[in-house]
Amino acid sequence: MLLVLMYVGLNFLGRQTEYVGLLMDGVAFIFIVEVEEIIYARVLRQEVRSTWEERDPVEIKKNGFLASRPDLSDFMWLCIVLIAAIAFLAYYTVVLVEPLYASLQCACLSEGA
């Protein structure tokens, strides 16, 4: 799910050519991320919210190598997201930017194949 959302978000933001449009798209993404809080606060009745909030918290036990080192786990995820973003930008450049640049050179300057 993270990979699909990251691909769609980067593809959406990658097609923007103006700073103002890019800023507005970023604000729209923040709204999408925060929409569950808005729905929780505005749509659910107060008795449903209070019933849910009065429940005991659920304990989650982490297993594995990084269970005792959350700092390394966070750093690992940061590296994974950075590598995925760089890979997407390389893919985006090869698939969209370079063919578009070549076609514009051909159309405007009558150069190329």
C-alpha atoms as a PDB file:
ATOM      1  CA  MET A   1       0.000   0.000   0.000  1.00  0.00           C
ATOM      2  CA  LEU A   2       2.865   2.345   0.837  1.00  0.00           C
ATOM      3  CA  LEU A   3       4.483   1.705  -2.535  1.00  0.00           C
ATOM      4  CA  VAL A   4       1.267   2.338  -4.455  1.00  0.00           C
ATOM      5  CA  LEU A   5       0.562   5.568  -2.578  1.00  0.00           C
ATOM      6  CA  MET A   6       4.143   6.714  -3.010  1.00  0.00           C
ATOM      7  CA  TYR A   7       4.058   5.961  -6.760  1.00  0.00           C
ATOM      8  CA  VAL A   8       0.770   7.786  -7.273  1.00  0.00           C
ATOM      9  CA  GLY A   9       1.829  10.750  -5.141  1.00  0.00           C
ATOM     10  CA  LEU A  10       5.220  11.152  -6.796  1.00  0.00           C
ATOM     11  CA  ASN A  11       3.702  10.716 -10.243  1.00  0.00           C
ATOM     12  CA  PHE A  12       1.073  13.337  -9.437  1.00  0.00           C
ATOM     13  CA  LEU A  13       3.624  15.800  -8.052  1.00  0.00           C
ATOM     14  CA  GLY A  14       6.117  15.048 -10.822  1.00  0.00           C
ATOM     15  CA  ARG A  15       3.774  16.293 -13.533  1.00  0.00           C
ATOM     16  CA  GLN A  16       3.407  19.723 -11.948  1.00  0.00           C
ATOM     17  CA  THR A  17       5.416  22.491 -13.618  1.00  0.00           C
ATOM     18  CA  GLU A  18       4.526  25.564 -11.540  1.00  0.00           C
ATOM     19  CA  TYR A  19       5.537  26.330  -7.961  1.00  0.00           C
ATOM     20  CA  VAL A  20       2.078  27.538  -6.955  1.00  0.00           C
ATOM     21  CA  GLY A  21       0.423  24.407  -8.358  1.00  0.00           C
ATOM     22  CA  LEU A  22       2.973  22.217  -6.599  1.00  0.00           C
ATOM     23  CA  LEU A  23       2.279  24.023  -3.319  1.00  0.00           C
ATOM     24  CA  MET A  24      -1.481  23.564  -3.758  1.00  0.00           C
ATOM     25  CA  ASP A  25      -1.019  19.859  -4.530  1.00  0.00           C
ATOM     26  CA  GLY A  26       1.059  19.484  -1.363  1.00  0.00           C
ATOM     27  CA  VAL A  27      -1.713  21.125   0.660  1.00  0.00           C
ATOM     28  CA  ALA A  28      -4.223  18.747  -0.951  1.00  0.00           C
ATOM     29  CA  PHE A  29      -2.074  15.757   0.075  1.00  0.00           C
ATOM     30  CA  ILE A  30      -1.963  17.022   3.655  1.00  0.00           C
ATOM     31  CA  PHE A  31      -5.765  17.256   3.617  1.00  0.00           C
ATOM     32  CA  ILE A  32      -5.997  13.672   2.327  1.00  0.00           C
ATOM     33  CA  VAL A  33      -3.746  12.489   5.154  1.00  0.00           C
ATOM     34  CA  GLU A  34      -5.768  14.352   7.792  1.00  0.00           C
ATOM     35  CA  VAL A  35      -9.249  13.527   6.462  1.00  0.00           C
ATOM     36  CA  GLU A  36      -9.698  10.591   8.888  1.00  0.00           C
ATOM     37  CA  GLU A  37      -9.315  12.950  11.856  1.00  0.00           C
ATOM     38  CA  ILE A  38     -11.906  15.294  10.397  1.00  0.00           C
ATOM     39  CA  ILE A  39     -14.340  12.431   9.814  1.00  0.00           C
ATOM     40  CA  TYR A  40     -13.737  11.083  13.328  1.00  0.00           C
ATOM     41  CA  ALA A  41     -14.390  14.475  14.908  1.00  0.00           C
ATOM     42  CA  ARG A  42     -17.352  15.580  12.786  1.00  0.00           C
ATOM     43  CA  VAL A  43     -19.232  12.448  11.709  1.00  0.00           C
ATOM     44  CA  LEU A  44     -19.185  10.043  14.658  1.00  0.00           C
ATOM     45  CA  ARG A  45     -21.690  10.614  17.433  1.00  0.00           C
ATOM     46  CA  GLN A  46     -20.296  11.582  20.822  1.00  0.00           C
ATOM     47  CA  GLU A  47     -21.413   8.347  22.544  1.00  0.00           C
ATOM     48  CA  VAL A  48     -19.662   6.221  19.918  1.00  0.00           C
ATOM     49  CA  ARG A  49     -16.479   8.246  20.311  1.00  0.00           C
ATOM     50  CA  SER A  50     -16.568   8.075  24.097  1.00  0.00           C
ATOM     51  CA  THR A  51     -17.217   4.296  24.026  1.00  0.00           C
ATOM     52  CA  TRP A  52     -14.261   3.809  21.715  1.00  0.00           C
ATOM     53  CA  GLU A  53     -11.966   6.079  23.731  1.00  0.00           C
ATOM     54  CA  GLU A  54     -12.809   4.335  27.032  1.00  0.00           C
ATOM     55  CA  ARG A  55     -11.539   0.946  25.846  1.00  0.00           C
ATOM     56  CA  ASP A  56      -8.264  -0.438  27.104  1.00  0.00           C
ATOM     57  CA  PRO A  57      -5.319   0.090  24.762  1.00  0.00           C
ATOM     58  CA  VAL A  58      -4.185  -2.850  22.644  1.00  0.00           C
ATOM     59  CA  GLU A  59      -0.621  -3.969  23.289  1.00  0.00           C
ATOM     60  CA  ILE A  60       1.460  -4.743  20.239  1.00  0.00           C
ATOM     61  CA  LYS A  61       4.642  -6.724  20.691  1.00  0.00           C
ATOM     62  CA  LYS A  62       7.340  -6.313  18.086  1.00  0.00           C
ATOM     63  CA  ASN A  63       9.465  -9.293  17.186  1.00  0.00           C
ATOM     64  CA  GLY A  64      12.671  -9.396  15.248  1.00  0.00           C
ATOM     65  CA  PHE A  65      16.056  -7.776  15.069  1.00  0.00           C
ATOM     66  CA  LEU A  66      14.908  -4.147  15.125  1.00  0.00           C
ATOM     67  CA  ALA A  67      12.250  -4.548  17.838  1.00  0.00           C
ATOM     68  CA  SER A  68      14.528  -3.200  20.563  1.00  0.00           C
ATOM     69  CA  ARG A  69      16.065  -0.474  18.349  1.00  0.00           C
ATOM     70  CA  PRO A  70      13.340   1.853  17.031  1.00  0.00           C
ATOM     71  CA  ASP A  71      15.968   4.401  15.978  1.00  0.00           C
ATOM     72  CA  LEU A  72      17.518   1.917  13.543  1.00  0.00           C
ATOM     73  CA  SER A  73      14.077   0.908  12.312  1.00  0.00           C
ATOM     74  CA  ASP A  74      13.178   4.534  11.552  1.00  0.00           C
ATOM     75  CA  PHE A  75      16.520   5.099   9.832  1.00  0.00           C
ATOM     76  CA  MET A  76      16.005   1.957   7.747  1.00  0.00           C
ATOM     77  CA  TRP A  77      12.559   3.162   6.612  1.00  0.00           C
ATOM     78  CA  LEU A  78      13.998   6.596   5.805  1.00  0.00           C
ATOM     79  CA  CYS A  79      16.645   4.966   3.617  1.00  0.00           C
ATOM     80  CA  ILE A  80      14.052   2.776   1.896  1.00  0.00           C
ATOM     81  CA  VAL A  81      11.833   5.763   1.096  1.00  0.00           C
ATOM     82  CA  LEU A  82      14.825   7.789  -0.162  1.00  0.00           C
ATOM     83  CA  ILE A  83      16.004   4.937  -2.396  1.00  0.00           C
ATOM     84  CA  ALA A  84      12.474   4.430  -3.734  1.00  0.00           C
ATOM     85  CA  ALA A  85      12.111   8.162  -4.448  1.00  0.00           C
ATOM     86  CA  ILE A  86      15.456   8.283  -6.284  1.00  0.00           C
ATOM     87  CA  ALA A  87      14.515   5.176  -8.281  1.00  0.00           C
ATOM     88  CA  PHE A  88      11.183   6.747  -9.205  1.00  0.00           C
ATOM     89  CA  LEU A  89      12.850   9.974 -10.323  1.00  0.00           C
ATOM     90  CA  ALA A  90      15.288   8.021 -12.501  1.00  0.00           C
ATOM     91  CA  TYR A  91      12.385   6.031 -13.989  1.00  0.00           C
ATOM     92  CA  TYR A  92      10.345   9.213 -14.505  1.00  0.00           C
ATOM     93  CA  THR A  93      13.252  10.922 -16.256  1.00  0.00           C
ATOM     94  CA  VAL A  94      13.879   8.020 -18.631  1.00  0.00           C
ATOM     95  CA  VAL A  95      10.231   7.280 -19.410  1.00  0.00           C
ATOM     96  CA  LEU A  96       8.685  10.764 -19.589  1.00  0.00           C
ATOM     97  CA  VAL A  97      11.174  13.647 -19.501  1.00  0.00           C
ATOM     98  CA  GLU A  98      13.719  12.494 -22.071  1.00  0.00           C
ATOM     99  CA  PRO A  99      11.159  11.414 -24.735  1.00  0.00           C
ATOM    100  CA  LEU A 100       9.253  14.665 -24.229  1.00  0.00           C
ATOM    101  CA  TYR A 101      12.460  16.679 -24.558  1.00  0.00           C
ATOM    102  CA  ALA A 102      13.413  14.792 -27.728  1.00  0.00           C
ATOM    103  CA  SER A 103       9.978  15.354 -29.286  1.00  0.00           C
ATOM    104  CA  LEU A 104      10.076  19.069 -28.461  1.00  0.00           C
ATOM    105  CA  GLN A 105      13.534  19.379 -30.000  1.00  0.00           C
ATOM    106  CA  CYS A 106      12.260  17.649 -33.118  1.00  0.00           C
ATOM    107  CA  ALA A 107       9.123  19.806 -33.355  1.00  0.00           C
ATOM    108  CA  CYS A 108      10.647  23.178 -32.479  1.00  0.00           C
ATOM    109  CA  LEU A 109      14.180  22.979 -33.830  1.00  0.00           C
ATOM    110  CA  SER A 110      13.662  20.344 -36.561  1.00  0.00           C
ATOM    111  CA  GLU A 111      16.482  18.286 -35.073  1.00  0.00           C
ATOM    112  CA  GLY A 112      16.492  14.596 -34.281  1.00  0.00           C
ATOM    113  CA  ALA A 113      14.833  11.509 -35.628  1.00  0.00           C
END
